[in-house]
C-alpha atoms as a PDB file:
ATOM      1  CA  MET A   1     135.702  66.439 185.395  1.00  0.00           C
ATOM      2  CA  LYS A   2     132.594  68.526 185.907  1.00  0.00           C
ATOM      3  CA  LEU A   3     131.710  71.375 183.612  1.00  0.00           C
ATOM      4  CA  LYS A   4     129.580  74.227 184.896  1.00  0.00           C
ATOM      5  CA  SER A   5     127.284  75.751 182.309  1.00  0.00           C
ATOM      6  CA  LEU A   6     123.816  77.148 181.857  1.00  0.00           C
ATOM      7  CA  CYS A   7     122.304  78.090 178.558  1.00  0.00           C
ATOM      8  CA  VAL A   8     118.703  78.894 177.618  1.00  0.00           C
ATOM      9  CA  VAL A   9     117.569  79.270 174.044  1.00  0.00           C
ATOM     10  CA  SER A  10     114.309  79.464 172.191  1.00  0.00           C
ATOM     11  CA  VAL A  11     113.846  76.950 169.429  1.00  0.00           C
ATOM     12  CA  SER A  12     111.430  77.801 166.659  1.00  0.00           C
ATOM     13  CA  CYS A  13     111.698  74.512 164.818  1.00  0.00           C
ATOM     14  CA  LEU A  14     110.320  71.183 165.931  1.00  0.00           C
ATOM     15  CA  PHE A  15     112.857  68.811 167.419  1.00  0.00           C
ATOM     16  CA  PHE A  16     112.618  65.566 169.308  1.00  0.00           C
ATOM     17  CA  PHE A  17     115.347  64.038 171.408  1.00  0.00           C
ATOM     18  CA  ALA A  18     115.541  60.470 172.636  1.00  0.00           C
ATOM     19  CA  CYS A  19     117.555  57.347 173.047  1.00  0.00           C
ATOM     20  CA  SER A  20     116.014  54.117 171.921  1.00  0.00           C
ATOM     21  CA  GLU A  21     116.288  50.424 172.400  1.00  0.00           C
ATOM     22  CA  ASP A  22     118.106  48.984 169.417  1.00  0.00           C
ATOM     23  CA  ASN A  23     116.533  46.378 167.176  1.00  0.00           C
ATOM     24  CA  SER A  24     119.743  44.388 166.804  1.00  0.00           C
ATOM     25  CA  SER A  25     119.779  41.118 168.709  1.00  0.00           C
ATOM     26  CA  SER A  26     123.539  40.825 169.319  1.00  0.00           C
ATOM     27  CA  PRO A  27     125.398  43.846 167.933  1.00  0.00           C
ATOM     28  CA  GLN A  28     129.009  43.188 167.051  1.00  0.00           C
ATOM     29  CA  ALA A  29     131.520  44.834 169.362  1.00  0.00           C
ATOM     30  CA  LEU A  30     133.527  47.574 167.690  1.00  0.00           C
ATOM     31  CA  VAL A  31     136.686  46.548 169.521  1.00  0.00           C
ATOM     32  CA  PRO A  32     137.157  43.426 171.654  1.00  0.00           C
ATOM     33  CA  GLY A  33     135.206  43.473 174.890  1.00  0.00           C
ATOM     34  CA  ILE A  34     132.843  46.297 173.958  1.00  0.00           C
ATOM     35  CA  SER A  35     129.129  45.756 173.532  1.00  0.00           C
ATOM     36  CA  GLN A  36     127.679  48.586 171.487  1.00  0.00           C
ATOM     37  CA  GLY A  37     125.482  51.114 173.231  1.00  0.00           C
ATOM     38  CA  THR A  38     125.783  49.604 176.703  1.00  0.00           C
ATOM     39  CA  GLU A  39     129.058  50.975 178.079  1.00  0.00           C
ATOM     40  CA  TYR A  40     127.557  54.185 179.382  1.00  0.00           C
ATOM     41  CA  GLY A  41     124.157  53.022 180.520  1.00  0.00           C
ATOM     42  CA  ASP A  42     120.643  52.908 179.137  1.00  0.00           C
ATOM     43  CA  LEU A  43     119.106  56.375 179.208  1.00  0.00           C
ATOM     44  CA  SER A  44     115.770  55.434 177.680  1.00  0.00           C
ATOM     45  CA  SER A  45     113.939  55.623 181.010  1.00  0.00           C
ATOM     46  CA  SER A  46     114.977  59.240 181.525  1.00  0.00           C
ATOM     47  CA  ILE A  47     113.993  60.410 178.048  1.00  0.00           C
ATOM     48  CA  ALA A  48     110.222  60.497 177.978  1.00  0.00           C
ATOM     49  CA  ALA A  49     109.092  63.816 176.543  1.00  0.00           C
ATOM     50  CA  ASN A  50     109.307  65.652 173.247  1.00  0.00           C
ATOM     51  CA  LEU A  51     110.558  69.185 172.707  1.00  0.00           C
ATOM     52  CA  THR A  52     107.784  71.216 171.112  1.00  0.00           C
ATOM     53  CA  SER A  53     107.937  74.393 169.054  1.00  0.00           C
ATOM     54  CA  SER A  54     109.203  77.533 170.834  1.00  0.00           C
ATOM     55  CA  SER A  55     110.106  75.596 173.981  1.00  0.00           C
ATOM     56  CA  SER A  56     112.662  76.939 176.417  1.00  0.00           C
ATOM     57  CA  ILE A  57     115.622  74.679 177.102  1.00  0.00           C
ATOM     58  CA  ALA A  58     117.824  74.858 180.191  1.00  0.00           C
ATOM     59  CA  VAL A  59     121.003  72.832 180.465  1.00  0.00           C
ATOM     60  CA  SER A  60     121.885  71.728 183.980  1.00  0.00           C
ATOM     61  CA  SER A  61     124.759  73.449 185.724  1.00  0.00           C
ATOM     62  CA  SER A  62     126.405  70.068 186.112  1.00  0.00           C
ATOM     63  CA  SER A  63     127.630  68.128 183.065  1.00  0.00           C
ATOM     64  CA  GLU A  64     129.562  64.977 183.792  1.00  0.00           C
ATOM     65  CA  MET A  65     132.483  64.126 181.530  1.00  0.00           C
ATOM     66  CA  SER A  66     134.066  60.692 181.418  1.00  0.00           C
ATOM     67  CA  SER A  67     137.063  59.496 179.434  1.00  0.00           C
ATOM     68  CA  SER A  68     136.827  56.655 176.954  1.00  0.00           C
ATOM     69  CA  SER A  69     139.537  54.000 176.861  1.00  0.00           C
ATOM     70  CA  TYR A  70     137.986  52.400 173.787  1.00  0.00           C
ATOM     71  CA  ALA A  71     139.187  54.841 171.136  1.00  0.00           C
ATOM     72  CA  VAL A  72     140.544  53.438 167.882  1.00  0.00           C
ATOM     73  CA  PRO A  73     143.768  55.196 166.761  1.00  0.00           C
ATOM     74  CA  SER A  74     143.225  57.734 163.994  1.00  0.00           C
ATOM     75  CA  CYS A  75     144.655  56.938 160.575  1.00  0.00           C
ATOM     76  CA  LYS A  76     144.808  60.309 158.829  1.00  0.00           C
ATOM     77  CA  THR A  77     146.632  63.631 159.253  1.00  0.00           C
ATOM     78  CA  GLU A  78     147.046  66.709 157.073  1.00  0.00           C
ATOM     79  CA  THR A  79     150.040  65.104 155.364  1.00  0.00           C
ATOM     80  CA  GLU A  80     149.456  61.342 155.592  1.00  0.00           C
ATOM     81  CA  ASP A  81     146.517  59.032 154.946  1.00  0.00           C
ATOM     82  CA  ASN A  82     146.976  55.529 156.300  1.00  0.00           C
ATOM     83  CA  CYS A  83     143.291  54.637 156.524  1.00  0.00           C
ATOM     84  CA  GLU A  84     142.143  51.266 155.239  1.00  0.00           C
ATOM     85  CA  TYR A  85     139.801  51.936 152.319  1.00  0.00           C
ATOM     86  CA  GLY A  86     137.646  49.617 150.274  1.00  0.00           C
ATOM     87  CA  THR A  87     134.703  49.723 147.899  1.00  0.00           C
ATOM     88  CA  LEU A  88     131.053  48.771 147.904  1.00  0.00           C
ATOM     89  CA  VAL A  89     129.436  48.131 144.530  1.00  0.00           C
ATOM     90  CA  ASP A  90     125.712  48.685 144.037  1.00  0.00           C
ATOM     91  CA  SER A  91     124.695  46.212 141.349  1.00  0.00           C
ATOM     92  CA  ARG A  92     121.334  47.949 140.900  1.00  0.00           C
ATOM     93  CA  ASP A  93     122.726  51.093 139.290  1.00  0.00           C
ATOM     94  CA  GLY A  94     126.468  50.482 139.023  1.00  0.00           C
ATOM     95  CA  ASN A  95     127.478  53.066 141.641  1.00  0.00           C
ATOM     96  CA  ILE A  96     130.767  52.288 143.369  1.00  0.00           C
ATOM     97  CA  TYR A  97     131.069  53.685 146.893  1.00  0.00           C
ATOM     98  CA  LYS A  98     134.316  54.247 148.737  1.00  0.00           C
ATOM     99  CA  THR A  99     134.405  52.685 152.223  1.00  0.00           C
ATOM    100  CA  VAL A 100     136.687  53.087 155.228  1.00  0.00           C
ATOM    101  CA  LYS A 101     137.400  50.689 158.060  1.00  0.00           C
ATOM    102  CA  ILE A 102     137.129  52.107 161.591  1.00  0.00           C
ATOM    103  CA  GLY A 103     137.777  49.473 164.231  1.00  0.00           C
ATOM    104  CA  THR A 104     135.753  46.442 163.171  1.00  0.00           C
ATOM    105  CA  GLN A 105     133.221  48.532 161.260  1.00  0.00           C
ATOM    106  CA  GLU A 106     133.432  49.453 157.578  1.00  0.00           C
ATOM    107  CA  TRP A 107     131.427  52.546 156.589  1.00  0.00           C
ATOM    108  CA  MET A 108     130.592  54.203 153.303  1.00  0.00           C
ATOM    109  CA  THR A 109     132.503  57.496 153.103  1.00  0.00           C
ATOM    110  CA  GLU A 110     129.736  59.114 151.065  1.00  0.00           C
ATOM    111  CA  GLU A 111     125.965  59.182 151.012  1.00  0.00           C
ATOM    112  CA  LEU A 112     123.793  56.620 149.228  1.00  0.00           C
ATOM    113  CA  LYS A 113     122.644  57.830 145.794  1.00  0.00           C
ATOM    114  CA  TYR A 114     120.181  55.093 144.851  1.00  0.00           C
ATOM    115  CA  LYS A 115     117.081  56.697 143.271  1.00  0.00           C
ATOM    116  CA  GLY A 116     117.862  60.017 144.935  1.00  0.00           C
ATOM    117  CA  ARG A 117     119.665  61.143 148.062  1.00  0.00           C
ATOM    118  CA  PHE A 118     117.017  62.098 150.650  1.00  0.00           C
ATOM    119  CA  PHE A 119     114.657  59.458 152.014  1.00  0.00           C
ATOM    120  CA  ASN A 120     112.035  59.200 154.709  1.00  0.00           C
ATOM    121  CA  TRP A 121     112.489  56.371 157.191  1.00  0.00           C
ATOM    122  CA  ALA A 122     110.143  53.861 155.558  1.00  0.00           C
ATOM    123  CA  GLN A 123     111.860  54.446 152.218  1.00  0.00           C
ATOM    124  CA  ALA A 124     115.254  53.936 153.857  1.00  0.00           C
ATOM    125  CA  LEU A 125     114.105  50.547 155.136  1.00  0.00           C
ATOM    126  CA  GLY A 126     112.293  49.633 151.921  1.00  0.00           C
ATOM    127  CA  LEU A 127     108.944  49.518 153.750  1.00  0.00           C
ATOM    128  CA  ASP A 128     105.452  50.806 152.972  1.00  0.00           C
ATOM    129  CA  GLU A 129     105.438  54.564 153.642  1.00  0.00           C
ATOM    130  CA  ASN A 130     101.708  54.647 154.309  1.00  0.00           C
ATOM    131  CA  VAL A 131     102.086  52.048 157.028  1.00  0.00           C
ATOM    132  CA  CYS A 132     105.492  52.358 158.697  1.00  0.00           C
ATOM    133  CA  ASN A 133     105.775  56.155 158.853  1.00  0.00           C
ATOM    134  CA  GLU A 134     102.531  56.310 160.841  1.00  0.00           C
ATOM    135  CA  ASN A 135     102.663  53.075 162.850  1.00  0.00           C
ATOM    136  CA  GLN A 136     105.125  51.023 164.833  1.00  0.00           C
ATOM    137  CA  CYS A 137     106.256  48.348 162.420  1.00  0.00           C
ATOM    138  CA  ASP A 138     107.510  44.864 163.196  1.00  0.00           C
ATOM    139  CA  LEU A 139     111.202  44.732 162.370  1.00  0.00           C
ATOM    140  CA  PRO A 140     113.461  41.681 162.226  1.00  0.00           C
ATOM    141  CA  ASN A 141     116.284  41.213 164.688  1.00  0.00           C
ATOM    142  CA  GLY A 142     119.794  41.850 163.493  1.00  0.00           C
ATOM    143  CA  ASN A 143     120.896  43.794 160.435  1.00  0.00           C
ATOM    144  CA  ILE A 144     118.275  45.421 158.203  1.00  0.00           C
ATOM    145  CA  GLN A 145     119.483  45.958 154.633  1.00  0.00           C
ATOM    146  CA  GLY A 146     116.784  48.438 153.672  1.00  0.00           C
ATOM    147  CA  ILE A 147     117.768  50.163 150.424  1.00  0.00           C
ATOM    148  CA  CYS A 148     121.494  49.759 151.058  1.00  0.00           C
ATOM    149  CA  PRO A 149     123.470  47.767 148.465  1.00  0.00           C
ATOM    150  CA  GLU A 150     123.844  44.024 148.820  1.00  0.00           C
ATOM    151  CA  GLY A 151     126.467  43.216 151.444  1.00  0.00           C
ATOM    152  CA  SER A 152     125.622  46.238 153.587  1.00  0.00           C
ATOM    153  CA  HIS A 153     122.786  47.471 155.794  1.00  0.00           C
ATOM    154  CA  LEU A 154     121.211  50.540 157.343  1.00  0.00           C
ATOM    155  CA  PRO A 155     123.165  51.187 160.573  1.00  0.00           C
ATOM    156  CA  SER A 156     121.444  50.786 163.913  1.00  0.00           C
ATOM    157  CA  ALA A 157     121.634  53.460 166.609  1.00  0.00           C
ATOM    158  CA  ASN A 158     124.037  51.214 168.495  1.00  0.00           C
ATOM    159  CA  GLU A 159     126.350  50.982 165.494  1.00  0.00           C
ATOM    160  CA  PHE A 160     126.521  54.781 165.343  1.00  0.00           C
ATOM    161  CA  ARG A 161     127.099  54.914 169.111  1.00  0.00           C
ATOM    162  CA  ALA A 162     129.956  52.464 168.707  1.00  0.00           C
ATOM    163  CA  LEU A 163     131.451  54.697 165.991  1.00  0.00           C
ATOM    164  CA  PHE A 164     131.190  57.754 168.246  1.00  0.00           C
ATOM    165  CA  ILE A 165     132.741  55.917 171.191  1.00  0.00           C
ATOM    166  CA  ALA A 166     135.599  54.521 169.092  1.00  0.00           C
ATOM    167  CA  THR A 167     136.533  57.913 167.589  1.00  0.00           C
ATOM    168  CA  GLY A 168     136.097  60.021 170.736  1.00  0.00           C
ATOM    169  CA  SER A 169     137.883  60.478 174.019  1.00  0.00           C
ATOM    170  CA  GLN A 170     135.096  61.844 176.230  1.00  0.00           C
ATOM    171  CA  GLN A 171     131.345  61.544 176.680  1.00  0.00           C
ATOM    172  CA  SER A 172     129.317  64.387 178.137  1.00  0.00           C
ATOM    173  CA  TYR A 173     126.236  63.565 180.205  1.00  0.00           C
ATOM    174  CA  ARG A 174     123.939  66.571 180.231  1.00  0.00           C
ATOM    175  CA  THR A 175     120.743  67.034 182.148  1.00  0.00           C
ATOM    176  CA  ILE A 176     118.340  69.180 180.113  1.00  0.00           C
ATOM    177  CA  THR A 177     115.078  70.725 181.319  1.00  0.00           C
ATOM    178  CA  PHE A 178     112.299  71.701 178.902  1.00  0.00           C
ATOM    179  CA  ASP A 179     109.945  74.555 179.877  1.00  0.00           C
ATOM    180  CA  GLY A 180     111.033  74.104 183.483  1.00  0.00           C
ATOM    181  CA  LYS A 181     109.094  70.851 183.708  1.00  0.00           C
ATOM    182  CA  THR A 182     110.567  67.826 182.011  1.00  0.00           C
ATOM    183  CA  THR A 183     114.152  66.799 182.722  1.00  0.00           C
ATOM    184  CA  ARG A 184     116.171  64.192 180.909  1.00  0.00           C
ATOM    185  CA  THR A 185     119.771  63.184 180.273  1.00  0.00           C
ATOM    186  CA  GLU A 186     121.504  63.096 176.891  1.00  0.00           C
ATOM    187  CA  ILE A 187     124.930  61.802 175.880  1.00  0.00           C
ATOM    188  CA  TYR A 188     127.221  63.811 173.612  1.00  0.00           C
ATOM    189  CA  TYR A 189     130.473  62.457 172.148  1.00  0.00           C
ATOM    190  CA  ASP A 190     133.483  64.637 171.291  1.00  0.00           C
ATOM    191  CA  THR A 191     133.880  63.084 167.856  1.00  0.00           C
ATOM    192  CA  ALA A 192     132.529  65.526 165.275  1.00  0.00           C
ATOM    193  CA  ASN A 193     135.821  67.155 164.279  1.00  0.00           C
ATOM    194  CA  LYS A 194     137.388  63.737 163.731  1.00  0.00           C
ATOM    195  CA  LEU A 195     134.480  62.576 161.545  1.00  0.00           C
ATOM    196  CA  LYS A 196     133.761  65.764 159.569  1.00  0.00           C
ATOM    197  CA  ALA A 197     135.338  66.371 156.162  1.00  0.00           C
ATOM    198  CA  SER A 198     138.132  68.942 156.036  1.00  0.00           C
ATOM    199  CA  SER A 199     136.180  71.072 153.571  1.00  0.00           C
ATOM    200  CA  GLY A 200     132.573  71.696 152.574  1.00  0.00           C
ATOM    201  CA  TRP A 201     131.398  73.123 155.923  1.00  0.00           C
ATOM    202  CA  LYS A 202     130.316  76.681 156.661  1.00  0.00           C
ATOM    203  CA  CYS A 203     132.678  79.206 158.169  1.00  0.00           C
ATOM    204  CA  CYS A 204     135.231  77.589 160.470  1.00  0.00           C
ATOM    205  CA  PHE A 205     133.443  74.327 161.216  1.00  0.00           C
ATOM    206  CA  ALA A 206     135.309  71.943 158.918  1.00  0.00           C
ATOM    207  CA  GLY A 207     136.797  68.920 160.635  1.00  0.00           C
ATOM    208  CA  ASP A 208     140.087  67.060 160.705  1.00  0.00           C
ATOM    209  CA  ASP A 209     138.634  63.913 159.100  1.00  0.00           C
ATOM    210  CA  ARG A 210     141.020  61.788 161.167  1.00  0.00           C
ATOM    211  CA  TYR A 211     139.284  58.513 160.236  1.00  0.00           C
ATOM    212  CA  GLY A 212     138.326  59.131 156.596  1.00  0.00           C
ATOM    213  CA  PHE A 213     134.583  59.168 157.398  1.00  0.00           C
ATOM    214  CA  SER A 214     134.279  62.571 155.631  1.00  0.00           C
ATOM    215  CA  ALA A 215     130.894  63.713 156.989  1.00  0.00           C
ATOM    216  CA  LEU A 216     129.423  66.696 155.134  1.00  0.00           C
ATOM    217  CA  PRO A 217     126.684  69.132 156.231  1.00  0.00           C
ATOM    218  CA  THR A 218     123.601  67.365 154.943  1.00  0.00           C
ATOM    219  CA  GLY A 219     120.798  68.912 156.950  1.00  0.00           C
ATOM    220  CA  ARG A 220     117.354  67.381 156.578  1.00  0.00           C
ATOM    221  CA  ARG A 221     114.262  67.963 154.486  1.00  0.00           C
ATOM    222  CA  PRO A 222     111.289  68.305 156.866  1.00  0.00           C
ATOM    223  CA  THR A 223     107.786  67.348 155.818  1.00  0.00           C
ATOM    224  CA  TYR A 224     106.863  71.044 155.454  1.00  0.00           C
ATOM    225  CA  GLY A 225     109.569  71.552 152.826  1.00  0.00           C
ATOM    226  CA  GLY A 226     112.861  73.404 152.597  1.00  0.00           C
ATOM    227  CA  ILE A 227     116.230  72.584 154.118  1.00  0.00           C
ATOM    228  CA  GLU A 228     116.667  72.566 157.880  1.00  0.00           C
ATOM    229  CA  ASN A 229     119.875  72.420 159.907  1.00  0.00           C
ATOM    230  CA  ASP A 230     122.303  72.353 157.008  1.00  0.00           C
ATOM    231  CA  SER A 231     125.076  72.953 159.535  1.00  0.00           C
ATOM    232  CA  TYR A 232     124.722  69.340 160.674  1.00  0.00           C
ATOM    233  CA  ALA A 233     125.277  65.900 159.197  1.00  0.00           C
ATOM    234  CA  ILE A 234     122.172  63.835 160.030  1.00  0.00           C
ATOM    235  CA  TYR A 235     121.786  60.166 159.121  1.00  0.00           C
ATOM    236  CA  TRP A 236     119.078  57.542 159.403  1.00  0.00           C
ATOM    237  CA  THR A 237     119.368  54.569 161.715  1.00  0.00           C
ATOM    238  CA  SER A 238     117.241  51.435 161.610  1.00  0.00           C
ATOM    239  CA  SER A 239     116.262  51.850 165.286  1.00  0.00           C
ATOM    240  CA  GLN A 240     112.561  52.530 165.763  1.00  0.00           C
ATOM    241  CA  ILE A 241     111.286  54.305 168.887  1.00  0.00           C
ATOM    242  CA  ASP A 242     107.509  54.345 168.443  1.00  0.00           C
ATOM    243  CA  SER A 243     104.825  54.895 165.802  1.00  0.00           C
ATOM    244  CA  THR A 244     106.219  58.228 164.564  1.00  0.00           C
ATOM    245  CA  LEU A 245     109.755  58.541 165.969  1.00  0.00           C
ATOM    246  CA  VAL A 246     113.042  56.894 165.102  1.00  0.00           C
ATOM    247  CA  SER A 247     116.670  57.389 166.149  1.00  0.00           C
ATOM    248  CA  GLN A 248     118.801  59.714 164.026  1.00  0.00           C
ATOM    249  CA  ALA A 249     122.586  60.149 164.189  1.00  0.00           C
ATOM    250  CA  TRP A 250     123.736  63.793 164.387  1.00  0.00           C
ATOM    251  CA  ILE A 251     127.229  65.168 163.779  1.00  0.00           C
ATOM    252  CA  PHE A 252     127.250  68.857 164.670  1.00  0.00           C
ATOM    253  CA  GLY A 253     128.823  71.604 162.617  1.00  0.00           C
ATOM    254  CA  GLY A 254     128.685  74.539 164.999  1.00  0.00           C
ATOM    255  CA  SER A 255     125.077  75.527 165.675  1.00  0.00           C
ATOM    256  CA  THR A 256     123.616  75.803 169.165  1.00  0.00           C
ATOM    257  CA  ILE A 257     120.534  74.182 170.632  1.00  0.00           C
ATOM    258  CA  GLY A 258     120.271  74.459 174.386  1.00  0.00           C
ATOM    259  CA  VAL A 259     123.996  74.014 175.017  1.00  0.00           C
ATOM    260  CA  ALA A 260     127.256  75.693 174.130  1.00  0.00           C
ATOM    261  CA  THR A 261     128.444  75.651 170.524  1.00  0.00           C
ATOM    262  CA  MET A 262     128.602  72.007 169.497  1.00  0.00           C
ATOM    263  CA  GLU A 263     131.140  71.990 166.674  1.00  0.00           C
ATOM    264  CA  ASP A 264     132.936  68.936 168.094  1.00  0.00           C
ATOM    265  CA  GLU A 265     129.997  66.839 169.251  1.00  0.00           C
ATOM    266  CA  SER A 266     127.898  63.956 167.982  1.00  0.00           C
ATOM    267  CA  THR A 267     124.823  62.325 169.459  1.00  0.00           C
ATOM    268  CA  ILE A 268     121.837  60.066 168.856  1.00  0.00           C
ATOM    269  CA  ARG A 269     118.546  61.937 168.739  1.00  0.00           C
ATOM    270  CA  SER A 270     114.999  61.035 167.890  1.00  0.00           C
ATOM    271  CA  GLY A 271     113.195  62.562 164.940  1.00  0.00           C
ATOM    272  CA  LEU A 272     110.132  62.113 162.817  1.00  0.00           C
ATOM    273  CA  LYS A 273     109.961  59.154 160.464  1.00  0.00           C
ATOM    274  CA  LYS A 274     108.621  61.531 157.811  1.00  0.00           C
ATOM    275  CA  ASP A 275     111.808  63.615 157.813  1.00  0.00           C
ATOM    276  CA  ARG A 276     113.946  63.142 154.737  1.00  0.00           C
ATOM    277  CA  LEU A 277     117.572  62.363 155.551  1.00  0.00           C
ATOM    278  CA  LEU A 278     120.654  60.932 153.917  1.00  0.00           C
ATOM    279  CA  ILE A 279     121.955  57.405 154.391  1.00  0.00           C
ATOM    280  CA  ARG A 280     125.406  56.049 155.219  1.00  0.00           C
ATOM    281  CA  CYS A 281     125.406  52.276 154.832  1.00  0.00           C
ATOM    282  CA  ILE A 282     127.709  49.978 156.782  1.00  0.00           C
ATOM    283  CA  LYS A 283     129.135  46.683 155.508  1.00  0.00           C
ATOM    284  CA  ASP A 284     127.813  43.420 156.894  1.00  0.00           C
ATOM    285  CA  ASP A 285     131.039  41.482 157.112  1.00  0.00           C
ATOM    286  CA  ALA A 286     133.631  43.907 158.455  1.00  0.00           C
ATOM    287  CA  LYS A 287     135.995  42.233 160.949  1.00  0.00           C
END
């Protein structure tokens, strides 16, 4: 199905958008036969430019929608909760985190609280801030524990993509033009309402929480201070793009940036390593 739309907005804040190559060597398929992040093509070649302050964004009049046959059945309704929950114990401070199994992944259902809640990217990976927030750092293949509790790790961009694919039914391919010059394609997943908590969001943007993931509007703490985009849930991934950018997972709560209201959409976007975001860890051994 093709959707016809055109929307132009002015953005006063600094945003970057990109897809990245993942640092995982052989990411585990979320459901049998699925290799994370590869089902819908590699868009990295078409995403080359950054969106600068006060840029004008135009969304192409043609947005391709494709159905996903990979969705994992939901486990929660308004009256019943049949999700498979577990726990993750952090031996460093004694915190016990609730987890939920979605497909073959097992996610924390709340944000990491170890020595605070908001972290820049180097802190999230347990690396030297003075080095890795300003330079492209060598990262190991496979899972990167970072500051997650033992038995879990900081999710890669592909692991978030797999979550979005498994909990959605459609992916939207949008061609976006910045300042009438640079064009690139982004993927949006219709998963936000199924992943957002049923309370704690502004206005009418609470979700159905069909999988027990219970995302809350976290926003981010930019380097210049304050809270930005507290209508979104934004999480770190371990996937590095270049010396200053890294992939971030976004679950929208109803704001608009260059497209129609995105209260039911999730995506992978690039952002500054110096941003301060929350962390959702994922277990190592979920099957």
